[in-house]
Structure formats: C-alpha cells, structure tokens
Amino acid sequence: MDYKAIFDKFNELNILIIGDVMIDSYQWGKVDRISPEAPVPICTVQKTEHRLGGAGNVALNIAAMGATPILCSVIGKDDNGKILLNLLKEHNMTNEGILLSNKRPTTIKTRIIGNNAQMLRIDKETTENLDSDEESMLLKAIADMIENKEIHAIIFQDYDKGVITDKIIKQTVKLAKAKGIPTTVDPKHRNFSSYKGVTMFKPNLKELKEGLKIEFDLPTKDNLTDAALLLHAKQDIQKIFITLSEYGIFMADYSHNEAKMDLMPAYLRKIADVSGAGDTVISVATLCLALGMSSTDIAKISNLAGGLVCENVGVVPINKDKLYKEVIAQ
C-alpha cells in the first residue's frame, strides 16, 4: 500500500466535528514539600498553559494530520469563551460553527502538574443539555455546513456535557446519509443508544459494557465479537471499533456480505499519560475512513496513533511525520 500517497491525501479532507469543545488548562509546577495545613503536596506553579480540549483536541489532531477541521459547538459568552476563541485563532481554525450562549459556561479542565506528573484535575462545567433555542441554532449551523461546504466526514465527539442531543444526532445522521458523508462517533454514556445508523462507532471497553449493560472479564475475541454483534443489531452500525487500552483494539466490520473481525494487540510503549488518546484514535480513524481504507488498515494506523500520543505528558495532538514512520516500519 502507498502510505505516502494516503498521508498526502489527508491534506485534501474537510472534517466537520460536532461536540463538546473545551479548554484544557495546565498549571505546571514543582513539588518539594508537604503542606503544614493538610497531608497534601504543595505545587509551586511555574507556568500556566491553555490548550484546546475535548472536541477541540480532535480538531487539533485533524489539523496535525494535514486536514481541515470545522468545529460545531456551543460555548459560554464568558472569559473562558474568549480564551477558547483566541486558541482557535492561534491555530488558524475557523470559528464559524461556534455559537456563544449566555446560558451555559465554557467548559475548562485545569490539571495541576507537579514534577511532570498530574496531581489533580479541577473541572468547571455544566452537563445540562442545550435548551431548545440553542439546539435549533446548532442544528442550523450544522445543516449550513453540510449544505454549503465540501465535507468528507463528520465526527460526533461526545463528552456528556450537553452539546450533543438525541435530536442533533438523528438530524445530522439523516443529512449526512443524504449527502453520502460517513459519520463517526466517540461516545459517552448518555447518548450511547442514540447513535443509530452511523458509519463507525468507537467506544472504549468501559463505555461498551455500560452502554450495552453487559459484563465479561477479559476482552477475548469471542466476547468482543458477541458484544459488537449485539451493538450492530441494536443500532445498525457498519463498523464497531473498540479501544481496549493495554489489550489493544478490536474492529468489527459489517459493511460487507461477510462480517470481518480484527483484534490487534497494543504496541509496547513508554506510557507517560493516556489523556487524549481516544481523541487521536477517532481523528485518525475518521481520516482513514474518509479515504475509503479497509477496516484493518483503519485499525492499524489508529492503534499506532493512539499509542504515540501516550508517550507525552498532557493532551497533545499526533505528530504526522512520526506516525508515518511508524506505519511504514510495521
């Protein structure tokens, strides 16, 4: 396979990303003593950094692979909202699909990093669903993007913060199908069963068990095949891509006459931080899907990408050149 040509073609793709966009804030510091007030470490902050998070990190990964991300989301009309819009500008991303609301705050996750290890995370957010007015505005923005732009794939990046609703899922999938645009999902618990008829669904093992209300000990090929078949039957999904942490990944493809199953082991890595790995996997998998690659190749390249970003502290996007070298080395 000509992976060079494939990686070059990523540059031609426009990917619409719908979901919970947020700020990942980092307080980097040094820890060398325990507080006299309580048995907790004192972190002396030396640097503060803001990054795009949530669906925004998916956009960063899409951009890092050379494609063009278009975010559709609702954020607060607040100071953190201004920071988020500035981050989009810094990364040369359009904000035309970002709607501002007086009714909800901009989500921010603050990580305290002491001596290069995460000590604490502080979240400021709401998990309430969009109200009917916000929902209608977001649906109009999504419909306009699909109608007026050349969109090669749509990602639902769901963090259960309320931006993605059942109505938004159903109407977007309907619009995408009418245009022949593939849809992919990185789900959470609340909307798990609402994603019917999407092209590719990427839960992790915990999300899969909770969403289907099933339980098993080890993720064997037989267990995963049974779970994937149940999900396919219930929600009419063509490709089911399950991430398994240290056990690797599993892909079930029902888009052909005979279903195809792939269970791939994890690659050995020096893991520094697993934050954001799922964002990278869905980003790379969606790009591969948009180019019509086989399920086996989608799983292989995405598996490598997810492992690579785990070698960094904090949420960081994939490095395209490093990923390419890893892919051709396999």
Protein backbone atom coordinates (compact mmCIF):
# COMPACT_ATOMS: atom_id res chain seq x y z
CA MET A 1 0.00 0.00 0.00
CA ASP A 2 1.22 3.50 -0.88
CA TYR A 3 1.06 5.09 2.58
CA LYS A 4 2.88 8.20 1.32
CA ALA A 5 0.03 8.92 -1.11
CA ILE A 6 -2.54 8.29 1.63
CA PHE A 7 -0.85 10.62 4.10
CA ASP A 8 -0.64 13.27 1.36
CA LYS A 9 -4.36 12.89 0.59
CA PHE A 10 -5.25 13.66 4.21
CA ASN A 11 -4.38 17.28 3.29
CA GLU A 12 -7.39 17.46 0.96
CA LEU A 13 -10.03 16.50 3.55
CA ASN A 14 -12.54 18.72 5.38
CA ILE A 15 -13.84 17.16 8.62
CA LEU A 16 -16.87 18.51 10.50
CA ILE A 17 -16.56 17.96 14.26
CA ILE A 18 -19.70 18.23 16.39
CA GLY A 19 -19.46 18.07 20.16
CA ASP A 20 -18.24 19.39 23.47
CA VAL A 21 -15.37 21.78 22.90
CA MET A 22 -13.46 22.88 25.99
CA ILE A 23 -10.22 24.29 27.36
CA ASP A 24 -7.51 22.07 28.78
CA SER A 25 -5.62 24.28 31.22
CA TYR A 26 -2.29 23.23 32.72
CA GLN A 27 -0.60 24.55 35.84
CA TRP A 28 2.97 23.28 35.59
CA GLY A 29 5.00 23.39 38.78
CA LYS A 30 7.47 21.92 41.22
CA VAL A 31 6.71 19.84 44.30
CA ASP A 32 9.31 19.63 47.09
CA ARG A 33 7.34 19.79 50.34
CA ILE A 34 4.10 18.81 52.08
CA SER A 35 1.58 21.38 53.26
CA PRO A 36 1.54 22.11 57.03
CA GLU A 37 -2.25 22.61 56.73
CA ALA A 38 -3.12 19.12 55.46
CA PRO A 39 -1.21 15.99 54.30
CA VAL A 40 -1.08 17.16 50.69
CA PRO A 41 1.82 18.21 48.44
CA ILE A 42 2.40 21.88 47.67
CA CYS A 43 2.83 22.59 43.97
CA THR A 44 4.63 25.86 43.23
CA VAL A 45 3.27 26.88 39.82
CA GLN A 46 5.90 28.00 37.34
CA LYS A 47 3.92 28.04 34.09
CA THR A 48 0.25 28.23 33.02
CA GLU A 49 -0.84 26.93 29.64
CA HIS A 50 -4.21 26.75 27.85
CA ARG A 51 -4.92 24.25 25.07
CA LEU A 52 -7.97 23.30 23.02
CA GLY A 53 -9.63 20.29 24.64
CA GLY A 54 -12.48 17.86 24.08
CA ALA A 55 -13.77 18.23 20.53
CA GLY A 56 -11.14 20.95 20.19
CA ASN A 57 -8.39 18.37 20.69
CA VAL A 58 -9.94 16.28 17.92
CA ALA A 59 -9.74 19.39 15.72
CA LEU A 60 -6.04 19.76 16.63
CA ASN A 61 -5.41 16.13 15.67
CA ILE A 62 -7.26 16.56 12.37
CA ALA A 63 -5.19 19.67 11.63
CA ALA A 64 -1.96 17.93 12.68
CA MET A 65 -2.66 15.26 10.05
CA GLY A 66 -2.96 17.99 7.40
CA ALA A 67 -6.75 18.04 7.04
CA THR A 68 -9.09 20.97 7.73
CA PRO A 69 -11.24 20.75 10.89
CA ILE A 70 -14.54 22.63 11.22
CA LEU A 71 -15.89 22.72 14.78
CA CYS A 72 -19.60 22.99 15.57
CA SER A 73 -20.33 23.58 19.25
CA VAL A 74 -21.85 25.89 21.86
CA ILE A 75 -19.65 27.67 24.42
CA GLY A 76 -20.25 30.34 27.04
CA LYS A 77 -20.22 34.05 26.38
CA ASP A 78 -17.62 34.41 29.15
CA ASP A 79 -13.92 34.99 29.73
CA ASN A 80 -13.07 31.34 29.09
CA GLY A 81 -15.08 31.54 25.88
CA LYS A 82 -12.81 34.39 24.77
CA ILE A 83 -9.75 32.28 25.59
CA LEU A 84 -11.18 29.42 23.53
CA LEU A 85 -11.89 31.64 20.52
CA ASN A 86 -8.34 33.02 20.75
CA LEU A 87 -6.98 29.46 20.78
CA LEU A 88 -8.90 28.71 17.58
CA LYS A 89 -7.42 31.83 16.01
CA GLU A 90 -3.90 30.88 17.12
CA HIS A 91 -4.31 27.53 15.36
CA ASN A 92 -5.77 29.13 12.21
CA MET A 93 -9.12 27.38 12.71
CA THR A 94 -12.45 28.86 11.71
CA ASN A 95 -14.93 29.76 14.48
CA GLU A 96 -17.94 29.97 12.14
CA GLY A 97 -19.52 26.88 13.72
CA ILE A 98 -19.00 28.05 17.32
CA LEU A 99 -22.11 29.52 18.93
CA LEU A 100 -22.00 31.69 22.06
CA SER A 101 -24.55 31.31 24.85
CA ASN A 102 -25.40 33.34 27.95
CA LYS A 103 -26.99 30.26 29.50
CA ARG A 104 -24.00 27.93 29.90
CA PRO A 105 -20.32 28.31 30.83
CA THR A 106 -17.37 27.38 28.70
CA THR A 107 -16.01 24.06 29.98
CA ILE A 108 -12.48 24.23 31.38
CA LYS A 109 -10.46 21.37 32.85
CA THR A 110 -7.48 22.51 34.90
CA ARG A 111 -4.73 19.96 35.50
CA ILE A 112 -2.16 20.53 38.23
CA ILE A 113 1.15 19.04 37.04
CA GLY A 114 3.85 18.70 39.70
CA ASN A 115 7.29 17.32 38.79
CA ASN A 116 5.86 16.22 35.41
CA ALA A 117 3.08 14.12 36.98
CA GLN A 118 -0.61 15.03 37.13
CA MET A 119 -1.63 15.60 40.76
CA LEU A 120 -5.16 16.95 40.47
CA ARG A 121 -7.78 17.98 37.93
CA ILE A 122 -10.36 20.72 38.56
CA ASP A 123 -13.41 20.92 36.24
CA LYS A 124 -15.72 23.90 35.71
CA GLU A 125 -18.65 22.94 33.50
CA THR A 126 -22.33 22.21 33.05
CA THR A 127 -23.70 18.88 31.87
CA GLU A 128 -27.21 20.18 31.10
CA ASN A 129 -28.48 19.60 27.57
CA LEU A 130 -28.79 22.60 25.25
CA ASP A 131 -32.17 24.28 25.54
CA SER A 132 -34.48 24.24 22.51
CA ASP A 133 -33.25 27.61 21.18
CA GLU A 134 -29.58 26.63 21.42
CA GLU A 135 -30.34 23.24 19.89
CA SER A 136 -32.13 24.83 16.92
CA MET A 137 -29.27 27.28 16.36
CA LEU A 138 -26.69 24.49 16.42
CA LEU A 139 -28.75 22.33 14.06
CA LYS A 140 -29.00 25.23 11.61
CA ALA A 141 -25.22 25.76 11.77
CA ILE A 142 -24.61 22.05 11.13
CA ALA A 143 -27.08 21.94 8.24
CA ASP A 144 -25.48 25.03 6.67
CA MET A 145 -22.02 23.45 6.88
CA ILE A 146 -23.20 20.19 5.31
CA GLU A 147 -25.10 22.01 2.55
CA ASN A 148 -22.57 24.70 1.66
CA LYS A 149 -19.17 23.09 2.25
CA GLU A 150 -17.46 20.01 0.91
CA ILE A 151 -17.46 17.79 4.00
CA HIS A 152 -15.68 14.45 3.73
CA ALA A 153 -16.63 13.02 7.16
CA ILE A 154 -18.44 14.05 10.35
CA ILE A 155 -17.23 13.25 13.87
CA PHE A 156 -19.52 13.27 16.92
CA GLN A 157 -17.16 13.95 19.82
CA ASP A 158 -19.33 13.39 22.87
CA TYR A 159 -18.27 14.12 26.46
CA ASP A 160 -21.76 14.16 28.01
CA LYS A 161 -21.59 17.94 28.54
CA GLY A 162 -24.94 18.51 26.80
CA VAL A 163 -23.99 19.92 23.39
CA ILE A 164 -24.89 16.69 21.57
CA THR A 165 -28.56 15.77 21.96
CA ASP A 166 -30.70 12.98 20.57
CA LYS A 167 -32.29 15.38 18.06
CA ILE A 168 -28.91 16.70 16.88
CA ILE A 169 -27.67 13.12 16.34
CA LYS A 170 -30.74 12.00 14.38
CA GLN A 171 -30.99 15.05 12.15
CA THR A 172 -27.25 15.19 11.45
CA VAL A 173 -27.07 11.49 10.55
CA LYS A 174 -30.07 11.96 8.22
CA LEU A 175 -28.41 14.93 6.49
CA ALA A 176 -25.09 13.07 6.23
CA LYS A 177 -26.70 9.99 4.69
CA ALA A 178 -28.47 12.14 2.10
CA LYS A 179 -25.08 13.56 1.07
CA GLY A 180 -23.17 10.26 1.34
CA ILE A 181 -20.96 11.59 4.13
CA PRO A 182 -19.58 8.99 6.60
CA THR A 183 -20.24 9.63 10.30
CA THR A 184 -18.06 8.52 13.20
CA VAL A 185 -18.66 8.62 16.95
CA ASP A 186 -16.55 8.81 20.09
CA PRO A 187 -19.40 8.14 22.55
CA LYS A 188 -20.11 8.61 26.22
CA HIS A 189 -22.86 7.04 28.30
CA ARG A 190 -25.80 9.45 27.98
CA ASN A 191 -26.30 9.28 24.20
CA PHE A 192 -24.85 5.80 23.66
CA SER A 193 -28.08 4.29 22.31
CA SER A 194 -28.99 7.34 20.22
CA TYR A 195 -26.25 6.76 17.66
CA LYS A 196 -28.22 4.67 15.19
CA GLY A 197 -27.14 4.24 11.59
CA VAL A 198 -23.72 5.87 11.96
CA THR A 199 -20.82 4.56 9.89
CA MET A 200 -18.27 3.93 12.65
CA PHE A 201 -18.70 3.80 16.43
CA LYS A 202 -15.63 3.92 18.71
CA PRO A 203 -16.36 3.15 22.37
CA ASN A 204 -13.71 2.08 24.83
CA LEU A 205 -14.24 -1.12 26.78
CA LYS A 206 -15.86 0.59 29.78
CA GLU A 207 -18.25 2.58 27.56
CA LEU A 208 -19.16 -0.57 25.61
CA LYS A 209 -20.03 -2.54 28.75
CA GLU A 210 -22.02 0.31 30.29
CA GLY A 211 -23.81 1.15 27.06
CA LEU A 212 -24.88 -2.43 26.36
CA LYS A 213 -25.32 -3.34 30.04
CA ILE A 214 -23.10 -6.41 29.66
CA GLU A 215 -20.18 -7.78 31.68
CA PHE A 216 -17.25 -10.05 30.97
CA ASP A 217 -13.79 -10.43 32.49
CA LEU A 218 -11.18 -10.41 29.75
CA PRO A 219 -11.74 -8.84 26.31
CA THR A 220 -11.32 -12.00 24.22
CA LYS A 221 -12.13 -12.07 20.52
CA ASP A 222 -15.25 -14.15 21.23
CA ASN A 223 -16.52 -11.75 23.93
CA LEU A 224 -15.88 -8.72 21.73
CA THR A 225 -17.46 -10.36 18.69
CA ASP A 226 -20.63 -11.07 20.68
CA ALA A 227 -20.74 -7.51 22.03
CA ALA A 228 -20.14 -5.98 18.60
CA LEU A 229 -22.88 -8.12 17.03
CA LEU A 230 -25.32 -7.01 19.72
CA LEU A 231 -24.43 -3.34 19.12
CA HIS A 232 -24.71 -3.77 15.35
CA ALA A 233 -28.13 -5.42 15.67
CA LYS A 234 -29.46 -2.76 18.07
CA GLN A 235 -28.09 0.35 16.35
CA ASP A 236 -27.39 -0.60 12.71
CA ILE A 237 -23.73 0.46 12.80
CA GLN A 238 -21.40 -0.68 9.98
CA LYS A 239 -18.06 -0.51 11.78
CA ILE A 240 -17.57 -1.00 15.52
CA PHE A 241 -14.13 0.00 16.73
CA ILE A 242 -13.43 -0.84 20.39
CA THR A 243 -10.33 0.51 22.14
CA LEU A 244 -9.00 -1.83 24.84
CA SER A 245 -6.11 0.08 26.49
CA GLU A 246 -3.29 -2.40 27.18
CA TYR A 247 -5.21 -5.15 25.34
CA GLY A 248 -5.07 -3.29 22.03
CA ILE A 249 -8.04 -2.65 19.74
CA PHE A 250 -10.90 -4.60 18.14
CA MET A 251 -12.66 -3.78 14.87
CA ALA A 252 -15.86 -5.42 13.64
CA ASP A 253 -16.89 -4.54 10.08
CA TYR A 254 -20.42 -5.40 8.91
CA SER A 255 -20.32 -3.34 5.72
CA HIS A 256 -19.62 -6.40 3.54
CA ASN A 257 -21.58 -9.60 2.94
CA GLU A 258 -19.37 -11.43 5.43
CA ALA A 259 -18.52 -9.68 8.69
CA LYS A 260 -14.81 -9.16 9.36
CA MET A 261 -13.24 -9.12 12.82
CA ASP A 262 -9.77 -7.84 13.75
CA LEU A 263 -8.21 -7.99 17.23
CA MET A 264 -4.85 -6.22 17.33
CA PRO A 265 -2.54 -6.14 20.36
CA ALA A 266 -1.28 -2.89 21.83
CA TYR A 267 2.21 -1.82 20.80
CA LEU A 268 4.78 -1.65 23.58
CA ARG A 269 5.21 1.97 24.67
CA LYS A 270 6.73 4.03 27.42
CA ILE A 271 3.41 5.43 28.63
CA ALA A 272 3.58 8.92 30.16
CA ASP A 273 -0.10 9.97 30.02
CA VAL A 274 -3.16 8.38 28.37
CA SER A 275 -5.08 11.70 28.29
CA GLY A 276 -6.38 12.48 24.83
CA ALA A 277 -5.50 9.14 23.24
CA GLY A 278 -9.14 8.49 22.35
CA ASP A 279 -9.32 11.87 20.59
CA THR A 280 -6.33 10.91 18.46
CA VAL A 281 -7.73 7.49 17.60
CA ILE A 282 -11.11 8.79 16.40
CA SER A 283 -9.39 11.59 14.43
CA VAL A 284 -7.01 9.32 12.54
CA ALA A 285 -9.66 6.60 12.07
CA THR A 286 -12.08 9.13 10.57
CA LEU A 287 -9.50 10.42 8.11
CA CYS A 288 -8.70 6.86 7.02
CA LEU A 289 -12.41 6.08 6.70
CA ALA A 290 -12.98 9.22 4.58
CA LEU A 291 -10.36 7.89 2.13
CA GLY A 292 -12.12 4.53 1.89
CA MET A 293 -9.40 2.50 3.59
CA SER A 294 -10.06 -1.05 4.79
CA SER A 295 -11.12 -1.64 8.38
CA THR A 296 -7.86 -3.48 9.04
CA ASP A 297 -5.78 -0.50 7.90
CA ILE A 298 -8.01 1.96 9.78
CA ALA A 299 -7.48 -0.05 12.97
CA LYS A 300 -3.74 -0.48 12.41
CA ILE A 301 -2.95 3.20 11.79
CA SER A 302 -5.27 4.46 14.54
CA ASN A 303 -3.82 1.98 17.02
CA LEU A 304 -0.32 3.28 16.31
CA ALA A 305 -1.50 6.89 16.60
CA GLY A 306 -3.17 6.35 19.98
CA GLY A 307 -0.03 4.76 21.38
CA LEU A 308 2.24 7.52 20.13
CA VAL A 309 0.40 10.35 21.92
CA CYS A 310 0.54 8.40 25.21
CA GLU A 311 4.29 8.99 25.28
CA ASN A 312 3.69 12.68 26.09
CA VAL A 313 2.58 14.34 29.33
CA GLY A 314 -0.76 16.11 28.92
CA VAL A 315 -3.18 16.16 25.99
CA VAL A 316 -1.23 16.66 22.77
CA PRO A 317 -2.13 16.04 19.10
CA ILE A 318 -0.48 13.41 16.94
CA ASN A 319 2.77 14.10 15.09
CA LYS A 320 2.09 13.22 11.43
CA ASP A 321 5.72 12.54 10.49
CA LYS A 322 6.29 10.24 13.47
CA LEU A 323 3.07 8.36 12.71
CA TYR A 324 4.03 7.92 9.06
CA LYS A 325 7.43 6.49 10.03
CA GLU A 326 5.77 4.06 12.45
CA VAL A 327 3.22 2.96 9.84
CA ILE A 328 5.79 2.17 7.16
CA ALA A 329 8.02 0.42 9.71
CA GLN A 330 5.32 -2.16 10.56
